[in-house]
Amino acid sequence: MSNRRKFIKSSVYGGLAIGTASISTMACTNQSTPGEKPIVISTWNHGMEANAEAWNVLGSGGKAIDAVEKGVMVTEADPDNATVGIGGFPDRDGNVTLDACIMDENDNCGSVAFLQNFKHPISVARKVMDETPHVMLVGEGARRFAVDQGFKEENLLTPKSEAAWKKWLLNQDYKPKINVENHDTIGMVALDAEGNLSGSCTTSGAAWKMHGRVGDSPIIGAGLFVDNEVGAAVATGLGEFVIKICGAHTIVELMRQGRSPMEACQEAVERIVRKYPNDYQDLQVGFLALNKDGAYGAHAVHTGFNYAVKSKTQDRLIDSQFYTG
């Protein structure tokens, strides 16, 4: 492998810290009773607050598409979250760049990638879906569109994240640090009272990434996929490996073939492990899925991934099962 190849590969992994939450109300339980709706599930412990906002929509009979947008906006607006929205860790050049996508029950979808200076990329993605004939806008084009739609530009590099970046610059260490802190993405999927599914996904991506890097989170079929006939899935973790197996789409298709949400997530994880035996020890990927009946499940490459669930009968954080060989 050339030095250039090593540099690029290590820089993609660098700074990716995917973690263990400090609290959990339930361990390694991955399946609900089928038939419960409405319901919303989302990745990581910050999903608890996001789910609460989404439930304000779902609990009053609102649509899943509105719930998944409003829910993840809570995380995007949290300056103490270093992996989503304002306060997200920057790339190696000190720029906070954001990615997001959203998808509804009619296969309508919108996405933005490499977006700077807007703390709610999920809402810009929603506008792409609702107001344009396109699916994805990136970079300067996405910025111009956001301005035209009335979104306000602001500096997303908080003092806390800037300090972390300057500390990183001292050593520029690209060694992965799995399960140091919750990292990367909030993904959310919901089933509303009408039985319709929608999903959203938003992130600031891998810390200290190469300028211009885009992961799986804004890619329909990788970080998020919804099929209203079957179910929906989201991903979190090192996006390059989610992209390589079209993770979310793969899980939905496995559910179409009869797997439960947990079984589908587990099979996708095992595919990563099998196909990339020299890589998986140093990376984390977690998958989360919800089917048309309201059953849900999750699976991850390593321990440490958790997810939040909220419905009429549940409001809890669950530790995901993970690959054990």
C-alpha atoms as a PDB file:
ATOM      1  CA  MET A   1       0.000   0.000   0.000  1.00  0.00           C
ATOM      2  CA  SER A   2       1.478   3.391  -0.937  1.00  0.00           C
ATOM      3  CA  ASN A   3       2.116   6.097   1.635  1.00  0.00           C
ATOM      4  CA  ARG A   4      -0.610   8.158  -0.006  1.00  0.00           C
ATOM      5  CA  ARG A   5      -3.087   5.310   0.311  1.00  0.00           C
ATOM      6  CA  LYS A   6      -2.119   4.781   3.956  1.00  0.00           C
ATOM      7  CA  PHE A   7      -2.555   8.488   4.653  1.00  0.00           C
ATOM      8  CA  ILE A   8      -5.994   8.664   3.071  1.00  0.00           C
ATOM      9  CA  LYS A   9      -7.182   5.490   4.756  1.00  0.00           C
ATOM     10  CA  SER A  10      -5.902   6.498   8.185  1.00  0.00           C
ATOM     11  CA  SER A  11      -7.331   9.979   7.877  1.00  0.00           C
ATOM     12  CA  VAL A  12     -10.764   8.588   7.181  1.00  0.00           C
ATOM     13  CA  TYR A  13     -10.575   6.513  10.344  1.00  0.00           C
ATOM     14  CA  GLY A  14      -8.925   9.271  12.325  1.00  0.00           C
ATOM     15  CA  GLY A  15     -10.801  10.868  15.176  1.00  0.00           C
ATOM     16  CA  LEU A  16     -13.751   8.527  14.849  1.00  0.00           C
ATOM     17  CA  ALA A  17     -14.850   7.911  18.417  1.00  0.00           C
ATOM     18  CA  ILE A  18     -17.992   5.880  18.771  1.00  0.00           C
ATOM     19  CA  GLY A  19     -19.124   5.290  22.237  1.00  0.00           C
ATOM     20  CA  THR A  20     -20.787   3.889  25.200  1.00  0.00           C
ATOM     21  CA  ALA A  21     -23.490   5.923  26.890  1.00  0.00           C
ATOM     22  CA  SER A  22     -23.247   6.495  30.591  1.00  0.00           C
ATOM     23  CA  ILE A  23     -26.757   5.256  31.225  1.00  0.00           C
ATOM     24  CA  SER A  24     -29.025   2.592  29.856  1.00  0.00           C
ATOM     25  CA  THR A  25     -32.438   1.502  30.971  1.00  0.00           C
ATOM     26  CA  MET A  26     -32.360  -1.850  29.249  1.00  0.00           C
ATOM     27  CA  ALA A  27     -29.557  -4.111  28.031  1.00  0.00           C
ATOM     28  CA  CYS A  28     -29.439  -6.154  24.841  1.00  0.00           C
ATOM     29  CA  THR A  29     -33.171  -6.256  24.173  1.00  0.00           C
ATOM     30  CA  ASN A  30     -33.864  -5.638  20.528  1.00  0.00           C
ATOM     31  CA  GLN A  31     -37.440  -6.493  19.699  1.00  0.00           C
ATOM     32  CA  SER A  32     -40.736  -4.822  20.532  1.00  0.00           C
ATOM     33  CA  THR A  33     -44.178  -6.351  20.379  1.00  0.00           C
ATOM     34  CA  PRO A  34     -45.289  -6.049  16.747  1.00  0.00           C
ATOM     35  CA  GLY A  35     -48.250  -3.812  16.073  1.00  0.00           C
ATOM     36  CA  GLU A  36     -47.404  -0.828  18.270  1.00  0.00           C
ATOM     37  CA  LYS A  37     -47.877   2.519  16.629  1.00  0.00           C
ATOM     38  CA  PRO A  38     -47.096   5.324  16.616  1.00  0.00           C
ATOM     39  CA  ILE A  39     -43.478   4.723  17.547  1.00  0.00           C
ATOM     40  CA  VAL A  40     -40.147   6.487  17.026  1.00  0.00           C
ATOM     41  CA  ILE A  41     -36.628   5.094  17.430  1.00  0.00           C
ATOM     42  CA  SER A  42     -33.279   6.821  17.076  1.00  0.00           C
ATOM     43  CA  THR A  43     -29.569   6.240  17.522  1.00  0.00           C
ATOM     44  CA  TRP A  44     -27.477   6.900  20.633  1.00  0.00           C
ATOM     45  CA  ASN A  45     -28.398   8.416  23.971  1.00  0.00           C
ATOM     46  CA  HIS A  46     -29.069  11.826  22.455  1.00  0.00           C
ATOM     47  CA  GLY A  47     -31.995  10.085  20.805  1.00  0.00           C
ATOM     48  CA  MET A  48     -33.929  10.335  24.064  1.00  0.00           C
ATOM     49  CA  GLU A  49     -34.344  14.102  23.747  1.00  0.00           C
ATOM     50  CA  ALA A  50     -34.859  13.861  20.002  1.00  0.00           C
ATOM     51  CA  ASN A  51     -37.562  11.238  20.446  1.00  0.00           C
ATOM     52  CA  ALA A  52     -39.363  13.432  22.964  1.00  0.00           C
ATOM     53  CA  GLU A  53     -39.649  16.198  20.371  1.00  0.00           C
ATOM     54  CA  ALA A  54     -40.701  13.745  17.670  1.00  0.00           C
ATOM     55  CA  TRP A  55     -43.374  12.407  20.012  1.00  0.00           C
ATOM     56  CA  ASN A  56     -44.895  15.871  20.268  1.00  0.00           C
ATOM     57  CA  VAL A  57     -45.793  15.353  16.605  1.00  0.00           C
ATOM     58  CA  LEU A  58     -46.638  11.641  16.642  1.00  0.00           C
ATOM     59  CA  GLY A  59     -48.567  11.694  19.908  1.00  0.00           C
ATOM     60  CA  SER A  60     -50.951  14.319  18.573  1.00  0.00           C
ATOM     61  CA  GLY A  61     -51.675  12.367  15.389  1.00  0.00           C
ATOM     62  CA  GLY A  62     -49.041  14.083  13.243  1.00  0.00           C
ATOM     63  CA  LYS A  63     -47.129  12.639  10.308  1.00  0.00           C
ATOM     64  CA  ALA A  64     -43.947  10.632  10.620  1.00  0.00           C
ATOM     65  CA  ILE A  65     -42.108  12.883   8.151  1.00  0.00           C
ATOM     66  CA  ASP A  66     -42.679  15.919  10.363  1.00  0.00           C
ATOM     67  CA  ALA A  67     -41.712  13.973  13.467  1.00  0.00           C
ATOM     68  CA  VAL A  68     -38.357  12.807  12.119  1.00  0.00           C
ATOM     69  CA  GLU A  69     -37.429  16.310  11.013  1.00  0.00           C
ATOM     70  CA  LYS A  70     -38.415  18.019  14.261  1.00  0.00           C
ATOM     71  CA  GLY A  71     -36.855  15.294  16.371  1.00  0.00           C
ATOM     72  CA  VAL A  72     -33.311  15.426  15.015  1.00  0.00           C
ATOM     73  CA  MET A  73     -33.346  19.231  15.001  1.00  0.00           C
ATOM     74  CA  VAL A  74     -33.014  19.019  18.802  1.00  0.00           C
ATOM     75  CA  THR A  75     -29.669  17.276  18.411  1.00  0.00           C
ATOM     76  CA  GLU A  76     -28.534  19.599  15.628  1.00  0.00           C
ATOM     77  CA  ALA A  77     -29.128  22.597  17.905  1.00  0.00           C
ATOM     78  CA  ASP A  78     -27.216  21.170  20.880  1.00  0.00           C
ATOM     79  CA  PRO A  79     -23.782  22.859  21.089  1.00  0.00           C
ATOM     80  CA  ASP A  80     -22.577  20.211  23.525  1.00  0.00           C
ATOM     81  CA  ASN A  81     -23.024  17.449  20.947  1.00  0.00           C
ATOM     82  CA  ALA A  82     -19.723  17.176  19.097  1.00  0.00           C
ATOM     83  CA  THR A  83     -20.986  15.082  16.195  1.00  0.00           C
ATOM     84  CA  VAL A  84     -24.151  16.748  14.877  1.00  0.00           C
ATOM     85  CA  GLY A  85     -25.021  20.304  13.876  1.00  0.00           C
ATOM     86  CA  ILE A  86     -23.610  23.288  15.739  1.00  0.00           C
ATOM     87  CA  GLY A  87     -20.633  22.270  17.841  1.00  0.00           C
ATOM     88  CA  GLY A  88     -19.774  19.357  15.583  1.00  0.00           C
ATOM     89  CA  PHE A  89     -16.059  18.603  15.406  1.00  0.00           C
ATOM     90  CA  PRO A  90     -14.508  20.122  12.281  1.00  0.00           C
ATOM     91  CA  ASP A  91     -12.460  18.601   9.495  1.00  0.00           C
ATOM     92  CA  ARG A  92      -8.661  18.763   9.617  1.00  0.00           C
ATOM     93  CA  ASP A  93      -8.749  22.299   8.215  1.00  0.00           C
ATOM     94  CA  GLY A  94     -11.037  23.567  10.975  1.00  0.00           C
ATOM     95  CA  ASN A  95     -14.272  23.646   8.956  1.00  0.00           C
ATOM     96  CA  VAL A  96     -17.538  22.217  10.305  1.00  0.00           C
ATOM     97  CA  THR A  97     -19.231  20.480   7.372  1.00  0.00           C
ATOM     98  CA  LEU A  98     -22.623  18.838   7.731  1.00  0.00           C
ATOM     99  CA  ASP A  99     -24.529  16.078   5.929  1.00  0.00           C
ATOM    100  CA  ALA A 100     -28.195  15.062   6.211  1.00  0.00           C
ATOM    101  CA  CYS A 101     -31.030  13.316   4.435  1.00  0.00           C
ATOM    102  CA  ILE A 102     -34.733  12.699   4.924  1.00  0.00           C
ATOM    103  CA  MET A 103     -37.226  10.306   3.309  1.00  0.00           C
ATOM    104  CA  ASP A 104     -41.008   9.909   3.520  1.00  0.00           C
ATOM    105  CA  GLU A 105     -43.553   7.161   2.950  1.00  0.00           C
ATOM    106  CA  ASN A 106     -43.933   7.964  -0.757  1.00  0.00           C
ATOM    107  CA  ASP A 107     -40.216   7.540  -1.588  1.00  0.00           C
ATOM    108  CA  ASN A 108     -39.780  11.311  -1.657  1.00  0.00           C
ATOM    109  CA  CYS A 109     -36.339  12.179  -0.352  1.00  0.00           C
ATOM    110  CA  GLY A 110     -33.951  15.071   0.015  1.00  0.00           C
ATOM    111  CA  SER A 111     -30.305  15.336   0.925  1.00  0.00           C
ATOM    112  CA  VAL A 112     -27.508  17.839   1.480  1.00  0.00           C
ATOM    113  CA  ALA A 113     -23.798  17.123   1.778  1.00  0.00           C
ATOM    114  CA  PHE A 114     -20.691  19.171   2.582  1.00  0.00           C
ATOM    115  CA  LEU A 115     -22.940  21.973   3.827  1.00  0.00           C
ATOM    116  CA  GLN A 116     -21.342  24.726   5.921  1.00  0.00           C
ATOM    117  CA  ASN A 117     -22.750  27.469   8.155  1.00  0.00           C
ATOM    118  CA  PHE A 118     -26.288  26.113   8.678  1.00  0.00           C
ATOM    119  CA  LYS A 119     -27.016  24.278  11.911  1.00  0.00           C
ATOM    120  CA  HIS A 120     -30.145  22.513  10.619  1.00  0.00           C
ATOM    121  CA  PRO A 121     -29.077  20.584   7.523  1.00  0.00           C
ATOM    122  CA  ILE A 122     -32.058  18.274   8.007  1.00  0.00           C
ATOM    123  CA  SER A 123     -34.431  21.164   7.291  1.00  0.00           C
ATOM    124  CA  VAL A 124     -32.434  22.167   4.221  1.00  0.00           C
ATOM    125  CA  ALA A 125     -32.688  18.546   3.059  1.00  0.00           C
ATOM    126  CA  ARG A 126     -36.445  18.675   3.670  1.00  0.00           C
ATOM    127  CA  LYS A 127     -36.625  21.748   1.428  1.00  0.00           C
ATOM    128  CA  VAL A 128     -34.655  19.922  -1.270  1.00  0.00           C
ATOM    129  CA  MET A 129     -37.277  17.177  -1.067  1.00  0.00           C
ATOM    130  CA  ASP A 130     -40.278  19.491  -1.020  1.00  0.00           C
ATOM    131  CA  GLU A 131     -39.196  22.348  -3.268  1.00  0.00           C
ATOM    132  CA  THR A 132     -36.927  20.902  -5.970  1.00  0.00           C
ATOM    133  CA  PRO A 133     -36.984  18.074  -8.533  1.00  0.00           C
ATOM    134  CA  HIS A 134     -33.661  16.834  -7.121  1.00  0.00           C
ATOM    135  CA  VAL A 135     -32.603  14.489  -4.342  1.00  0.00           C
ATOM    136  CA  MET A 136     -29.163  15.823  -3.368  1.00  0.00           C
ATOM    137  CA  LEU A 137     -27.466  19.216  -3.306  1.00  0.00           C
ATOM    138  CA  VAL A 138     -23.871  19.637  -2.152  1.00  0.00           C
ATOM    139  CA  GLY A 139     -21.342  22.260  -1.200  1.00  0.00           C
ATOM    140  CA  GLU A 140     -21.767  25.741  -2.595  1.00  0.00           C
ATOM    141  CA  GLY A 141     -24.936  24.775  -4.442  1.00  0.00           C
ATOM    142  CA  ALA A 142     -26.498  23.571  -1.222  1.00  0.00           C
ATOM    143  CA  ARG A 143     -25.424  26.787   0.511  1.00  0.00           C
ATOM    144  CA  ARG A 144     -26.988  28.993  -2.145  1.00  0.00           C
ATOM    145  CA  PHE A 145     -30.190  26.984  -2.005  1.00  0.00           C
ATOM    146  CA  ALA A 146     -30.345  27.287   1.775  1.00  0.00           C
ATOM    147  CA  VAL A 147     -29.915  31.047   1.593  1.00  0.00           C
ATOM    148  CA  ASP A 148     -32.606  31.288  -1.082  1.00  0.00           C
ATOM    149  CA  GLN A 149     -34.929  29.335   1.200  1.00  0.00           C
ATOM    150  CA  GLY A 150     -34.396  31.791   4.030  1.00  0.00           C
ATOM    151  CA  PHE A 151     -32.008  29.846   6.254  1.00  0.00           C
ATOM    152  CA  LYS A 152     -29.607  31.972   8.288  1.00  0.00           C
ATOM    153  CA  GLU A 153     -25.864  31.426   8.020  1.00  0.00           C
ATOM    154  CA  GLU A 154     -23.906  31.240  11.266  1.00  0.00           C
ATOM    155  CA  ASN A 155     -20.552  30.072  12.573  1.00  0.00           C
ATOM    156  CA  LEU A 156     -20.871  26.464  13.715  1.00  0.00           C
ATOM    157  CA  LEU A 157     -17.392  26.112  15.211  1.00  0.00           C
ATOM    158  CA  THR A 158     -17.975  26.546  18.936  1.00  0.00           C
ATOM    159  CA  PRO A 159     -15.115  27.417  21.315  1.00  0.00           C
ATOM    160  CA  LYS A 160     -15.276  23.878  22.710  1.00  0.00           C
ATOM    161  CA  SER A 161     -14.916  22.242  19.309  1.00  0.00           C
ATOM    162  CA  GLU A 162     -12.257  24.707  18.217  1.00  0.00           C
ATOM    163  CA  ALA A 163     -10.219  23.876  21.319  1.00  0.00           C
ATOM    164  CA  ALA A 164     -10.531  20.158  20.586  1.00  0.00           C
ATOM    165  CA  TRP A 165      -9.392  20.732  16.999  1.00  0.00           C
ATOM    166  CA  LYS A 166      -6.364  22.773  18.082  1.00  0.00           C
ATOM    167  CA  LYS A 167      -5.435  20.044  20.540  1.00  0.00           C
ATOM    168  CA  TRP A 168      -5.707  17.467  17.777  1.00  0.00           C
ATOM    169  CA  LEU A 169      -3.436  19.566  15.544  1.00  0.00           C
ATOM    170  CA  LEU A 170      -0.567  19.079  17.995  1.00  0.00           C
ATOM    171  CA  ASN A 171      -0.281  15.369  17.181  1.00  0.00           C
ATOM    172  CA  GLN A 172      -2.672  14.798  14.272  1.00  0.00           C
ATOM    173  CA  ASP A 173      -3.291  11.274  15.531  1.00  0.00           C
ATOM    174  CA  TYR A 174      -5.401   9.266  13.093  1.00  0.00           C
ATOM    175  CA  LYS A 175      -5.673   6.106  15.178  1.00  0.00           C
ATOM    176  CA  PRO A 176      -9.329   5.101  15.660  1.00  0.00           C
ATOM    177  CA  LYS A 177     -10.725   5.405  19.169  1.00  0.00           C
ATOM    178  CA  ILE A 178     -13.745   3.158  19.360  1.00  0.00           C
ATOM    179  CA  ASN A 179     -16.211   3.642  22.209  1.00  0.00           C
ATOM    180  CA  VAL A 180     -14.564   6.668  23.775  1.00  0.00           C
ATOM    181  CA  GLU A 181     -17.666   8.820  23.333  1.00  0.00           C
ATOM    182  CA  ASN A 182     -20.880   8.705  21.389  1.00  0.00           C
ATOM    183  CA  HIS A 183     -19.883   9.693  17.904  1.00  0.00           C
ATOM    184  CA  ASP A 184     -21.369  10.216  14.550  1.00  0.00           C
ATOM    185  CA  THR A 185     -24.917  10.776  13.473  1.00  0.00           C
ATOM    186  CA  ILE A 186     -28.377  10.817  14.805  1.00  0.00           C
ATOM    187  CA  GLY A 187     -30.574   8.584  12.696  1.00  0.00           C
ATOM    188  CA  MET A 188     -34.304   8.413  13.366  1.00  0.00           C
ATOM    189  CA  VAL A 189     -37.176   6.383  11.921  1.00  0.00           C
ATOM    190  CA  ALA A 190     -40.831   6.629  12.863  1.00  0.00           C
ATOM    191  CA  LEU A 191     -44.164   4.945  12.234  1.00  0.00           C
ATOM    192  CA  ASP A 192     -47.167   7.236  12.656  1.00  0.00           C
ATOM    193  CA  ALA A 193     -50.765   6.514  13.654  1.00  0.00           C
ATOM    194  CA  GLU A 194     -51.746   6.155   9.987  1.00  0.00           C
ATOM    195  CA  GLY A 195     -49.153   3.390   9.540  1.00  0.00           C
ATOM    196  CA  ASN A 196     -46.750   5.455   7.452  1.00  0.00           C
ATOM    197  CA  LEU A 197     -42.974   5.348   7.840  1.00  0.00           C
ATOM    198  CA  SER A 198     -40.370   8.098   7.465  1.00  0.00           C
ATOM    199  CA  GLY A 199     -36.744   8.603   8.429  1.00  0.00           C
ATOM    200  CA  SER A 200     -33.998  11.171   8.867  1.00  0.00           C
ATOM    201  CA  CYS A 201     -30.254  11.186   9.365  1.00  0.00           C
ATOM    202  CA  THR A 202     -27.908  14.076  10.193  1.00  0.00           C
ATOM    203  CA  THR A 203     -24.233  14.403  11.160  1.00  0.00           C
ATOM    204  CA  SER A 204     -21.066  16.457  11.164  1.00  0.00           C
ATOM    205  CA  GLY A 205     -19.234  13.330  10.072  1.00  0.00           C
ATOM    206  CA  ALA A 206     -15.903  11.938  11.196  1.00  0.00           C
ATOM    207  CA  ALA A 207     -13.818  14.366  13.216  1.00  0.00           C
ATOM    208  CA  TRP A 208     -10.653  15.633  11.522  1.00  0.00           C
ATOM    209  CA  LYS A 209     -11.751  14.160   8.162  1.00  0.00           C
ATOM    210  CA  MET A 210     -10.223  15.318   4.890  1.00  0.00           C
ATOM    211  CA  HIS A 211     -11.864  18.498   3.631  1.00  0.00           C
ATOM    212  CA  GLY A 212     -14.683  17.469   1.317  1.00  0.00           C
ATOM    213  CA  ARG A 213     -15.183  14.000   2.761  1.00  0.00           C
ATOM    214  CA  VAL A 214     -18.791  12.791   2.799  1.00  0.00           C
ATOM    215  CA  GLY A 215     -19.923   9.657   4.612  1.00  0.00           C
ATOM    216  CA  ASP A 216     -23.052   7.553   4.462  1.00  0.00           C
ATOM    217  CA  SER A 217     -25.420   9.865   6.332  1.00  0.00           C
ATOM    218  CA  PRO A 218     -26.717  11.908   3.357  1.00  0.00           C
ATOM    219  CA  ILE A 219     -26.840   8.932   0.993  1.00  0.00           C
ATOM    220  CA  ILE A 220     -30.268   7.413   0.444  1.00  0.00           C
ATOM    221  CA  GLY A 221     -29.821   3.650   0.639  1.00  0.00           C
ATOM    222  CA  ALA A 222     -26.680   3.833   2.773  1.00  0.00           C
ATOM    223  CA  GLY A 223     -27.282   5.909   5.906  1.00  0.00           C
ATOM    224  CA  LEU A 224     -31.083   5.853   5.532  1.00  0.00           C
ATOM    225  CA  PHE A 225     -33.731   4.009   3.576  1.00  0.00           C
ATOM    226  CA  VAL A 226     -37.521   3.854   3.853  1.00  0.00           C
ATOM    227  CA  ASP A 227     -39.914   1.532   2.040  1.00  0.00           C
ATOM    228  CA  ASN A 228     -43.451   2.031   3.273  1.00  0.00           C
ATOM    229  CA  GLU A 229     -44.399  -1.500   2.248  1.00  0.00           C
ATOM    230  CA  VAL A 230     -41.729  -3.047   4.471  1.00  0.00           C
ATOM    231  CA  GLY A 231     -39.832  -0.876   6.923  1.00  0.00           C
ATOM    232  CA  ALA A 232     -37.060   1.643   7.451  1.00  0.00           C
ATOM    233  CA  ALA A 233     -33.435   1.544   8.584  1.00  0.00           C
ATOM    234  CA  VAL A 234     -30.667   3.945   9.593  1.00  0.00           C
ATOM    235  CA  ALA A 235     -26.943   3.567  10.177  1.00  0.00           C
ATOM    236  CA  THR A 236     -24.289   5.140  12.372  1.00  0.00           C
ATOM    237  CA  GLY A 237     -20.536   4.732  12.555  1.00  0.00           C
ATOM    238  CA  LEU A 238     -17.757   4.699   9.970  1.00  0.00           C
ATOM    239  CA  GLY A 239     -19.707   5.630   6.863  1.00  0.00           C
ATOM    240  CA  GLU A 240     -17.297   4.258   4.285  1.00  0.00           C
ATOM    241  CA  PHE A 241     -18.206   0.719   5.292  1.00  0.00           C
ATOM    242  CA  VAL A 242     -21.930   1.461   5.430  1.00  0.00           C
ATOM    243  CA  ILE A 243     -21.710   2.800   1.870  1.00  0.00           C
ATOM    244  CA  LYS A 244     -19.833  -0.284   0.681  1.00  0.00           C
ATOM    245  CA  ILE A 245     -22.733  -2.583   1.574  1.00  0.00           C
ATOM    246  CA  CYS A 246     -25.575  -0.080   0.949  1.00  0.00           C
ATOM    247  CA  GLY A 247     -26.396  -0.694   4.596  1.00  0.00           C
ATOM    248  CA  ALA A 248     -29.873   0.756   5.148  1.00  0.00           C
ATOM    249  CA  HIS A 249     -31.222  -0.525   1.825  1.00  0.00           C
ATOM    250  CA  THR A 250     -29.728  -3.954   2.488  1.00  0.00           C
ATOM    251  CA  ILE A 251     -31.535  -4.148   5.829  1.00  0.00           C
ATOM    252  CA  VAL A 252     -34.891  -3.131   4.355  1.00  0.00           C
ATOM    253  CA  GLU A 253     -34.534  -5.742   1.631  1.00  0.00           C
ATOM    254  CA  LEU A 254     -33.694  -8.394   4.216  1.00  0.00           C
ATOM    255  CA  MET A 255     -36.855  -7.453   6.110  1.00  0.00           C
ATOM    256  CA  ARG A 256     -38.755  -7.792   2.832  1.00  0.00           C
ATOM    257  CA  GLN A 257     -37.444 -11.344   2.642  1.00  0.00           C
ATOM    258  CA  GLY A 258     -38.841 -12.097   6.083  1.00  0.00           C
ATOM    259  CA  ARG A 259     -36.118 -11.211   8.570  1.00  0.00           C
ATOM    260  CA  SER A 260     -37.078  -9.405  11.738  1.00  0.00           C
ATOM    261  CA  PRO A 261     -35.533  -5.943  12.169  1.00  0.00           C
ATOM    262  CA  MET A 262     -32.905  -7.311  14.553  1.00  0.00           C
ATOM    263  CA  GLU A 263     -32.081 -10.250  12.275  1.00  0.00           C
ATOM    264  CA  ALA A 264     -31.723  -7.924   9.293  1.00  0.00           C
ATOM    265  CA  CYS A 265     -29.396  -5.599  11.213  1.00  0.00           C
ATOM    266  CA  GLN A 266     -27.342  -8.541  12.437  1.00  0.00           C
ATOM    267  CA  GLU A 267     -26.965  -9.936   8.924  1.00  0.00           C
ATOM    268  CA  ALA A 268     -25.772  -6.552   7.655  1.00  0.00           C
ATOM    269  CA  VAL A 269     -23.194  -6.344  10.461  1.00  0.00           C
ATOM    270  CA  GLU A 270     -21.981  -9.859   9.722  1.00  0.00           C
ATOM    271  CA  ARG A 271     -21.608  -8.927   6.074  1.00  0.00           C
ATOM    272  CA  ILE A 272     -19.206  -6.129   7.042  1.00  0.00           C
ATOM    273  CA  VAL A 273     -17.231  -8.457   9.298  1.00  0.00           C
ATOM    274  CA  ARG A 274     -17.057 -11.168   6.644  1.00  0.00           C
ATOM    275  CA  LYS A 275     -16.136  -8.908   3.745  1.00  0.00           C
ATOM    276  CA  TYR A 276     -13.624  -6.750   5.633  1.00  0.00           C
ATOM    277  CA  PRO A 277     -11.856  -9.060   8.115  1.00  0.00           C
ATOM    278  CA  ASN A 278      -8.765  -6.838   8.237  1.00  0.00           C
ATOM    279  CA  ASP A 279     -10.726  -3.683   9.027  1.00  0.00           C
ATOM    280  CA  TYR A 280     -13.667  -4.394  11.295  1.00  0.00           C
ATOM    281  CA  GLN A 281     -11.689  -4.624  14.545  1.00  0.00           C
ATOM    282  CA  ASP A 282     -10.813  -0.942  14.221  1.00  0.00           C
ATOM    283  CA  LEU A 283     -14.205   0.478  13.324  1.00  0.00           C
ATOM    284  CA  GLN A 284     -17.729   0.689  14.617  1.00  0.00           C
ATOM    285  CA  VAL A 285     -20.968   0.482  12.653  1.00  0.00           C
ATOM    286  CA  GLY A 286     -24.417   0.268  14.190  1.00  0.00           C
ATOM    287  CA  PHE A 287     -27.725  -0.370  12.410  1.00  0.00           C
ATOM    288  CA  LEU A 288     -31.261   0.341  13.610  1.00  0.00           C
ATOM    289  CA  ALA A 289     -34.465  -0.805  11.896  1.00  0.00           C
ATOM    290  CA  LEU A 290     -38.247  -0.528  12.247  1.00  0.00           C
ATOM    291  CA  ASN A 291     -40.738  -2.590  10.288  1.00  0.00           C
ATOM    292  CA  LYS A 292     -44.244  -1.844   9.093  1.00  0.00           C
ATOM    293  CA  ASP A 293     -45.765  -3.588  12.111  1.00  0.00           C
ATOM    294  CA  GLY A 294     -43.894  -1.421  14.613  1.00  0.00           C
ATOM    295  CA  ALA A 295     -41.294  -4.036  15.573  1.00  0.00           C
ATOM    296  CA  TYR A 296     -37.731  -2.751  15.886  1.00  0.00           C
ATOM    297  CA  GLY A 297     -34.208  -4.057  16.315  1.00  0.00           C
ATOM    298  CA  ALA A 298     -30.545  -3.130  16.223  1.00  0.00           C
ATOM    299  CA  HIS A 299     -27.100  -4.644  15.883  1.00  0.00           C
ATOM    300  CA  ALA A 300     -23.536  -3.321  15.864  1.00  0.00           C
ATOM    301  CA  VAL A 301     -20.021  -4.432  15.042  1.00  0.00           C
ATOM    302  CA  HIS A 302     -18.804  -3.766  18.592  1.00  0.00           C
ATOM    303  CA  THR A 303     -20.331  -3.206  21.995  1.00  0.00           C
ATOM    304  CA  GLY A 304     -21.195   0.369  22.919  1.00  0.00           C
ATOM    305  CA  PHE A 305     -23.963   1.230  20.473  1.00  0.00           C
ATOM    306  CA  ASN A 306     -27.316   2.116  22.005  1.00  0.00           C
ATOM    307  CA  TYR A 307     -30.615   3.505  20.790  1.00  0.00           C
ATOM    308  CA  ALA A 308     -33.728   5.231  22.095  1.00  0.00           C
ATOM    309  CA  VAL A 309     -37.351   4.096  21.751  1.00  0.00           C
ATOM    310  CA  LYS A 310     -40.534   6.049  22.435  1.00  0.00           C
ATOM    311  CA  SER A 311     -44.166   5.035  22.059  1.00  0.00           C
ATOM    312  CA  LYS A 312     -47.306   5.090  24.163  1.00  0.00           C
ATOM    313  CA  THR A 313     -45.894   2.335  26.368  1.00  0.00           C
ATOM    314  CA  GLN A 314     -42.123   2.853  26.112  1.00  0.00           C
ATOM    315  CA  ASP A 315     -39.572   5.585  26.708  1.00  0.00           C
ATOM    316  CA  ARG A 316     -36.204   3.960  27.119  1.00  0.00           C
ATOM    317  CA  LEU A 317     -32.587   3.639  26.062  1.00  0.00           C
ATOM    318  CA  ILE A 318     -31.462   0.183  24.968  1.00  0.00           C
ATOM    319  CA  ASP A 319     -27.995  -1.325  24.560  1.00  0.00           C
ATOM    320  CA  SER A 320     -27.728  -2.953  21.154  1.00  0.00           C
ATOM    321  CA  GLN A 321     -26.542  -6.484  20.589  1.00  0.00           C
ATOM    322  CA  PHE A 322     -23.214  -6.738  18.771  1.00  0.00           C
ATOM    323  CA  TYR A 323     -21.001  -9.134  16.850  1.00  0.00           C
ATOM    324  CA  THR A 324     -19.380 -11.777  19.052  1.00  0.00           C
ATOM    325  CA  GLY A 325     -17.801 -14.001  16.434  1.00  0.00           C
END
